[in-house]
């Protein structure tokens, strides 16, 4: 329709009247501007075509140029400007009825087909941050949230948005942004790390110290248990010699050693389980996404004493078992 409109320009009565009121030089400039506007439109350079049509209007304000300018605005999704130009064109009283009907149809299409867009680019620190975009309507209502990942480079409808960013171990942030037509906004979001009670290096030392103390305590229980078992030969000799006093003393020592071993196994196991769980929680907090620690079992067996200790470690629970 743009081509038809342009082809009809020289034949329109308004142009015939213009030829009588403007010089041949101005008429040639007018035709050149219109021709350049048509060529730029076909090349997809809509803003430049509008400039040529407006320059042609400065020479002679032909109503059909309003239609061409409206078409250019429509092609570049400048919805408000396109509607305004179509309204100006339809307000002209003596335009061709078919062109009026066609312009009215195009004006009505703008409500459904014309979407004004802008570009939003977001870069995040840390890079694994997740984004949520919620468009805000003029009356303050919130439309459905749109999840996105960082970095983001996307075209969005013109309007106001709430942009939220979050990442494990960091304080979430939220801000409102304005997406403007044909503009590119570049944002760089830096999330603040969540406050921690302990310095990371000190926490690392404490974790491994706890694991070391727990392991050492379990080993001490094993040594105590082994020492008690190693005196079984003395007990057997005292029984054969029917030395009741020696037998009683050795039995007391064995009971004391067994009790001490049980305490060392239990305390050491709990300390060891706590250190390992602490480490698992630390690794989970620093990892990307949800990290789940599977159960690991550590045991210390003493076949001679008949003692067996086991620790089951999960992300959210610790269980210990001591069998004799």
Protein backbone atom coordinates (compact mmCIF):
# COMPACT_ATOMS: atom_id res chain seq x y z
CA UNK A 1 0.00 0.00 0.00
CA UNK A 2 2.94 2.32 0.59
CA UNK A 3 4.05 1.80 -3.02
CA UNK A 4 0.51 2.45 -4.26
CA UNK A 5 0.34 5.62 -2.21
CA UNK A 6 3.65 6.83 -3.52
CA UNK A 7 2.76 6.03 -7.10
CA UNK A 8 -0.48 7.95 -6.74
CA UNK A 9 1.16 11.03 -5.30
CA UNK A 10 1.93 12.77 -8.64
CA UNK A 11 -1.66 12.16 -9.78
CA UNK A 12 -3.42 13.56 -6.75
CA UNK A 13 -5.30 16.85 -7.14
CA UNK A 14 -3.35 18.36 -4.28
CA UNK A 15 -0.11 17.76 -6.18
CA UNK A 16 -1.53 19.29 -9.32
CA UNK A 17 -2.40 22.38 -7.33
CA UNK A 18 1.06 22.33 -5.75
CA UNK A 19 2.71 22.32 -9.17
CA UNK A 20 1.11 25.69 -9.78
CA UNK A 21 2.23 27.15 -6.47
CA UNK A 22 5.80 25.82 -6.13
CA UNK A 23 8.74 26.17 -8.41
CA UNK A 24 10.00 23.42 -10.66
CA UNK A 25 13.12 23.18 -8.49
CA UNK A 26 11.06 22.63 -5.31
CA UNK A 27 8.88 20.12 -7.13
CA UNK A 28 11.98 18.16 -8.16
CA UNK A 29 13.25 18.23 -4.56
CA UNK A 30 9.83 17.07 -3.35
CA UNK A 31 9.82 14.08 -5.72
CA UNK A 32 13.40 13.22 -4.75
CA UNK A 33 12.54 13.20 -1.06
CA UNK A 34 9.54 10.97 -1.66
CA UNK A 35 11.60 8.60 -3.82
CA UNK A 36 14.36 8.42 -1.20
CA UNK A 37 11.78 7.76 1.53
CA UNK A 38 10.31 4.89 -0.48
CA UNK A 39 13.76 3.40 -1.11
CA UNK A 40 14.76 3.62 2.56
CA UNK A 41 11.45 2.04 3.62
CA UNK A 42 12.06 -0.92 1.32
CA UNK A 43 15.57 -1.26 2.81
CA UNK A 44 14.08 -1.48 6.32
CA UNK A 45 15.55 1.89 7.37
CA UNK A 46 12.27 3.18 8.70
CA UNK A 47 13.54 6.08 10.79
CA UNK A 48 15.52 7.42 7.83
CA UNK A 49 12.47 7.02 5.58
CA UNK A 50 10.41 9.09 8.05
CA UNK A 51 13.04 11.83 7.90
CA UNK A 52 12.73 11.93 4.09
CA UNK A 53 8.93 11.99 4.18
CA UNK A 54 8.98 14.79 6.77
CA UNK A 55 11.42 16.72 4.59
CA UNK A 56 9.04 16.27 1.67
CA UNK A 57 6.19 17.63 3.83
CA UNK A 58 8.28 20.72 4.53
CA UNK A 59 8.23 21.37 0.77
CA UNK A 60 4.59 20.44 0.28
CA UNK A 61 2.34 18.97 2.99
CA UNK A 62 0.55 16.25 1.03
CA UNK A 63 -1.86 14.19 3.17
CA UNK A 64 -0.65 10.88 1.66
CA UNK A 65 2.73 11.47 3.30
CA UNK A 66 1.03 11.12 6.70
CA UNK A 67 -0.06 7.64 5.68
CA UNK A 68 3.48 6.74 4.62
CA UNK A 69 4.94 8.07 7.86
CA UNK A 70 2.35 6.09 9.86
CA UNK A 71 3.33 2.95 7.94
CA UNK A 72 6.98 3.54 8.76
CA UNK A 73 6.23 3.98 12.46
CA UNK A 74 4.12 0.82 12.38
CA UNK A 75 6.94 -1.15 10.74
CA UNK A 76 9.36 -0.12 13.50
CA UNK A 77 6.84 -0.97 16.25
CA UNK A 78 6.54 2.65 17.36
CA UNK A 79 2.90 2.05 18.24
CA UNK A 80 2.01 5.41 19.79
CA UNK A 81 3.54 7.41 16.94
CA UNK A 82 1.89 5.14 14.35
CA UNK A 83 -1.54 5.61 15.95
CA UNK A 84 -1.05 9.36 16.09
CA UNK A 85 -0.09 9.55 12.42
CA UNK A 86 -2.97 7.34 11.30
CA UNK A 87 -5.33 9.56 13.31
CA UNK A 88 -3.93 12.68 11.63
CA UNK A 89 -4.30 11.06 8.22
CA UNK A 90 -7.89 9.93 8.91
CA UNK A 91 -8.75 13.45 10.08
CA UNK A 92 -8.11 14.78 6.55
CA UNK A 93 -11.59 15.32 5.03
CA UNK A 94 -10.99 14.67 1.32
CA UNK A 95 -8.86 11.47 1.26
CA UNK A 96 -9.74 8.57 -1.03
CA UNK A 97 -12.47 6.35 0.50
CA UNK A 98 -10.50 3.16 -0.16
CA UNK A 99 -7.41 4.65 1.46
CA UNK A 100 -9.54 5.77 4.42
CA UNK A 101 -10.88 2.25 4.82
CA UNK A 102 -7.42 0.74 4.57
CA UNK A 103 -5.89 3.23 7.02
CA UNK A 104 -8.73 2.54 9.48
CA UNK A 105 -8.05 -1.20 9.24
CA UNK A 106 -4.33 -0.69 9.86
CA UNK A 107 -5.11 1.58 12.80
CA UNK A 108 -7.25 -1.15 14.37
CA UNK A 109 -4.52 -3.75 13.84
CA UNK A 110 -2.13 -1.79 16.02
CA UNK A 111 -3.97 -2.83 19.18
CA UNK A 112 -3.09 -6.51 18.58
CA UNK A 113 -0.05 -6.63 16.33
CA UNK A 114 2.07 -3.66 17.38
CA UNK A 115 4.29 -4.44 20.37
CA UNK A 116 6.81 -1.86 21.51
CA UNK A 117 9.99 -3.52 22.75
CA UNK A 118 13.30 -2.65 24.30
CA UNK A 119 16.37 -4.72 25.09
CA UNK A 120 17.56 -5.61 28.58
CA UNK A 121 21.05 -6.95 29.23
CA UNK A 122 22.02 -8.13 32.70
CA UNK A 123 25.37 -9.45 33.95
CA UNK A 124 25.63 -10.88 37.44
CA UNK A 125 28.18 -11.54 40.14
CA UNK A 126 28.11 -14.41 40.98
CA UNK A 127 27.51 -15.79 37.52
CA UNK A 128 25.13 -18.53 38.73
CA UNK A 129 22.54 -16.00 39.95
CA UNK A 130 18.94 -16.57 38.88
CA UNK A 131 16.64 -13.73 37.82
CA UNK A 132 12.92 -13.07 38.08
CA UNK A 133 11.19 -10.40 35.98
CA UNK A 134 7.73 -9.18 36.96
CA UNK A 135 6.03 -6.57 34.78
CA UNK A 136 4.23 -3.82 36.68
CA UNK A 137 1.08 -2.38 35.13
CA UNK A 138 0.34 1.36 35.27
CA UNK A 139 -2.27 0.79 38.01
CA UNK A 140 0.30 -0.98 40.22
CA UNK A 141 -0.78 -4.57 39.55
CA UNK A 142 1.82 -7.29 39.04
CA UNK A 143 1.74 -9.67 36.11
CA UNK A 144 3.08 -13.23 36.18
CA UNK A 145 6.76 -13.49 37.06
CA UNK A 146 9.14 -14.61 34.32
CA UNK A 147 12.14 -16.71 35.45
CA UNK A 148 15.45 -16.08 33.67
CA UNK A 149 19.11 -16.89 34.07
CA UNK A 150 22.15 -14.66 34.13
CA UNK A 151 23.64 -13.35 31.88
CA UNK A 152 20.47 -12.05 30.23
CA UNK A 153 20.07 -10.48 26.79
CA UNK A 154 16.41 -10.32 25.88
CA UNK A 155 13.77 -8.15 24.22
CA UNK A 156 10.92 -7.13 26.52
CA UNK A 157 7.70 -5.19 26.18
CA UNK A 158 8.02 -1.54 26.99
CA UNK A 159 7.09 -0.79 30.60
CA UNK A 160 8.19 -1.04 34.23
CA UNK A 161 9.54 -4.26 35.68
CA UNK A 162 10.71 -5.54 39.02
CA UNK A 163 14.01 -7.37 38.62
CA UNK A 164 15.01 -9.79 41.39
CA UNK A 165 18.32 -11.63 41.58
CA UNK A 166 19.34 -14.36 43.99
CA UNK A 167 22.08 -16.96 44.45
CA UNK A 168 22.97 -19.47 47.17
CA UNK A 169 25.06 -17.83 49.88
CA UNK A 170 24.21 -14.28 48.78
CA UNK A 171 21.67 -11.66 49.86
CA UNK A 172 18.83 -11.38 47.28
CA UNK A 173 18.37 -8.00 45.60
CA UNK A 174 15.38 -6.34 43.93
CA UNK A 175 15.03 -3.18 41.88
CA UNK A 176 12.61 -1.57 39.44
CA UNK A 177 13.67 -0.85 35.87
CA UNK A 178 12.06 0.94 32.93
CA UNK A 179 12.25 -0.74 29.52
CA UNK A 180 12.07 1.88 26.78
CA UNK A 181 11.31 1.43 23.12
CA UNK A 182 14.31 0.72 20.89
CA UNK A 183 16.71 1.28 23.78
CA UNK A 184 19.21 -1.18 25.25
CA UNK A 185 19.74 -1.13 28.99
CA UNK A 186 22.83 -2.83 30.39
CA UNK A 187 22.88 -3.66 34.09
CA UNK A 188 25.62 -5.23 36.17
CA UNK A 189 24.32 -6.75 39.40
CA UNK A 190 26.72 -7.59 42.22
CA UNK A 191 25.11 -9.52 45.06
CA UNK A 192 26.48 -9.18 48.57
CA UNK A 193 27.60 -12.34 50.34
CA UNK A 194 25.49 -13.35 53.30
CA UNK A 195 27.11 -12.44 56.62
CA UNK A 196 28.94 -15.36 58.25
CA UNK A 197 29.70 -15.88 61.92
CA UNK A 198 33.15 -17.25 61.19
CA UNK A 199 35.88 -16.26 58.81
CA UNK A 200 36.06 -18.91 56.04
CA UNK A 201 39.69 -19.73 56.81
CA UNK A 202 39.03 -20.03 60.54
CA UNK A 203 35.95 -22.14 59.85
CA UNK A 204 38.05 -24.48 57.71
CA UNK A 205 40.61 -24.88 60.53
CA UNK A 206 37.87 -25.57 63.08
CA UNK A 207 36.19 -28.14 60.84
CA UNK A 208 39.33 -30.18 60.31
CA UNK A 209 40.31 -29.77 63.98
CA UNK A 210 36.92 -31.20 64.99
CA UNK A 211 37.31 -34.11 62.58
CA UNK A 212 40.84 -34.72 63.90
CA UNK A 213 39.76 -34.69 67.55
CA UNK A 214 36.90 -37.05 66.82
CA UNK A 215 39.11 -39.47 64.92
CA UNK A 216 41.76 -39.34 67.66
CA UNK A 217 39.13 -40.08 70.34
CA UNK A 218 37.83 -43.09 68.39
CA UNK A 219 41.41 -44.34 68.00
CA UNK A 220 41.95 -43.88 71.74
CA UNK A 221 38.89 -46.03 72.38
CA UNK A 222 40.26 -48.70 70.08
CA UNK A 223 43.64 -48.64 71.91
CA UNK A 224 41.89 -48.90 75.31
CA UNK A 225 39.80 -51.79 74.04
CA UNK A 226 42.85 -53.55 72.63
CA UNK A 227 44.78 -53.09 75.89
CA UNK A 228 41.96 -54.73 77.84
CA UNK A 229 41.83 -57.65 75.43
CA UNK A 230 45.60 -58.11 75.59
CA UNK A 231 45.30 -58.92 79.32
CA UNK A 232 43.05 -61.90 78.74
CA UNK A 233 46.10 -64.18 79.04
CA UNK A 234 46.76 -62.84 82.57
CA UNK A 235 43.13 -63.48 83.48
CA UNK A 236 43.31 -67.07 82.22
CA UNK A 237 46.52 -67.69 84.22
CA UNK A 238 44.93 -66.29 87.39
CA UNK A 239 41.89 -68.50 86.88
CA UNK A 240 44.06 -71.58 86.41
CA UNK A 241 46.02 -70.65 89.55
CA UNK A 242 42.71 -70.11 91.35
CA UNK A 243 43.93 -66.68 92.50
CA UNK A 244 40.60 -65.13 93.34
CA UNK A 245 42.10 -61.77 94.24
CA UNK A 246 43.97 -61.47 90.92
CA UNK A 247 40.90 -62.60 89.01
CA UNK A 248 38.76 -59.94 90.70
CA UNK A 249 41.29 -57.21 90.03
CA UNK A 250 41.67 -58.21 86.39
CA UNK A 251 37.89 -58.33 85.94
CA UNK A 252 37.58 -54.83 87.48
CA UNK A 253 40.28 -53.56 85.17
CA UNK A 254 38.53 -55.16 82.17
CA UNK A 255 35.18 -53.61 83.12
CA UNK A 256 36.82 -50.20 83.60
CA UNK A 257 38.62 -50.49 80.25
CA UNK A 258 35.39 -51.56 78.50
CA UNK A 259 33.49 -48.63 80.00
CA UNK A 260 36.29 -46.24 79.03
CA UNK A 261 36.37 -47.67 75.50
CA UNK A 262 32.60 -47.30 75.11
CA UNK A 263 32.75 -43.67 76.24
CA UNK A 264 35.67 -42.92 73.91
CA UNK A 265 33.89 -44.62 70.99
CA UNK A 266 30.67 -42.69 71.61
CA UNK A 267 32.20 -39.28 72.26
CA UNK A 268 34.70 -39.64 69.42
CA UNK A 269 31.99 -40.81 67.03
CA UNK A 270 29.75 -37.84 67.83
CA UNK A 271 32.63 -35.36 67.47
CA UNK A 272 33.74 -36.97 64.21
CA UNK A 273 30.17 -37.02 62.86
CA UNK A 274 29.74 -33.36 63.81
CA UNK A 275 32.93 -32.33 62.01
CA UNK A 276 32.05 -34.28 58.88
CA UNK A 277 28.49 -32.89 58.88
CA UNK A 278 29.85 -29.37 59.33
CA UNK A 279 32.06 -29.89 56.29
CA UNK A 280 29.15 -31.24 54.24
CA UNK A 281 27.00 -28.21 55.14
CA UNK A 282 29.85 -25.87 54.19
CA UNK A 283 30.29 -27.60 50.83
CA UNK A 284 26.54 -27.49 50.22
CA UNK A 285 26.39 -23.74 50.94
CA UNK A 286 29.25 -23.02 48.53
CA UNK A 287 28.09 -25.28 45.72
CA UNK A 288 25.90 -24.25 42.75
CA UNK A 289 22.35 -25.43 43.24
CA UNK A 290 21.21 -28.00 45.75
CA UNK A 291 23.90 -30.40 46.90
CA UNK A 292 22.92 -33.40 48.89
CA UNK A 293 25.41 -35.44 50.89
CA UNK A 294 24.77 -39.17 50.78
CA UNK A 295 25.22 -41.31 53.86
CA UNK A 296 28.72 -42.49 54.57
CA UNK A 297 29.50 -45.07 57.15
CA UNK A 298 32.68 -45.13 59.17
CA UNK A 299 33.30 -47.94 61.61
CA UNK A 300 35.89 -49.19 63.97
CA UNK A 301 35.73 -52.87 64.78
CA UNK A 302 37.38 -54.85 67.51
CA UNK A 303 36.80 -58.54 66.96
CA UNK A 304 38.61 -59.54 70.15
CA UNK A 305 36.49 -57.35 72.43
CA UNK A 306 33.33 -57.88 70.37
CA UNK A 307 32.77 -54.09 69.98
CA UNK A 308 31.43 -52.50 66.78
CA UNK A 309 30.75 -48.78 66.35
CA UNK A 310 29.19 -47.14 63.29
CA UNK A 311 28.22 -43.59 62.32
CA UNK A 312 25.66 -42.75 59.58
CA UNK A 313 25.93 -39.18 58.33
CA UNK A 314 23.29 -37.37 56.27
CA UNK A 315 22.82 -33.72 55.38
CA UNK A 316 20.17 -33.19 58.06
CA UNK A 317 20.71 -36.05 60.50
CA UNK A 318 23.36 -38.01 62.38
CA UNK A 319 22.86 -41.51 63.81
CA UNK A 320 25.31 -43.59 65.83
CA UNK A 321 25.22 -47.23 66.82
CA UNK A 322 27.36 -49.13 69.33
CA UNK A 323 27.08 -52.93 69.48
CA UNK A 324 28.82 -55.27 71.94
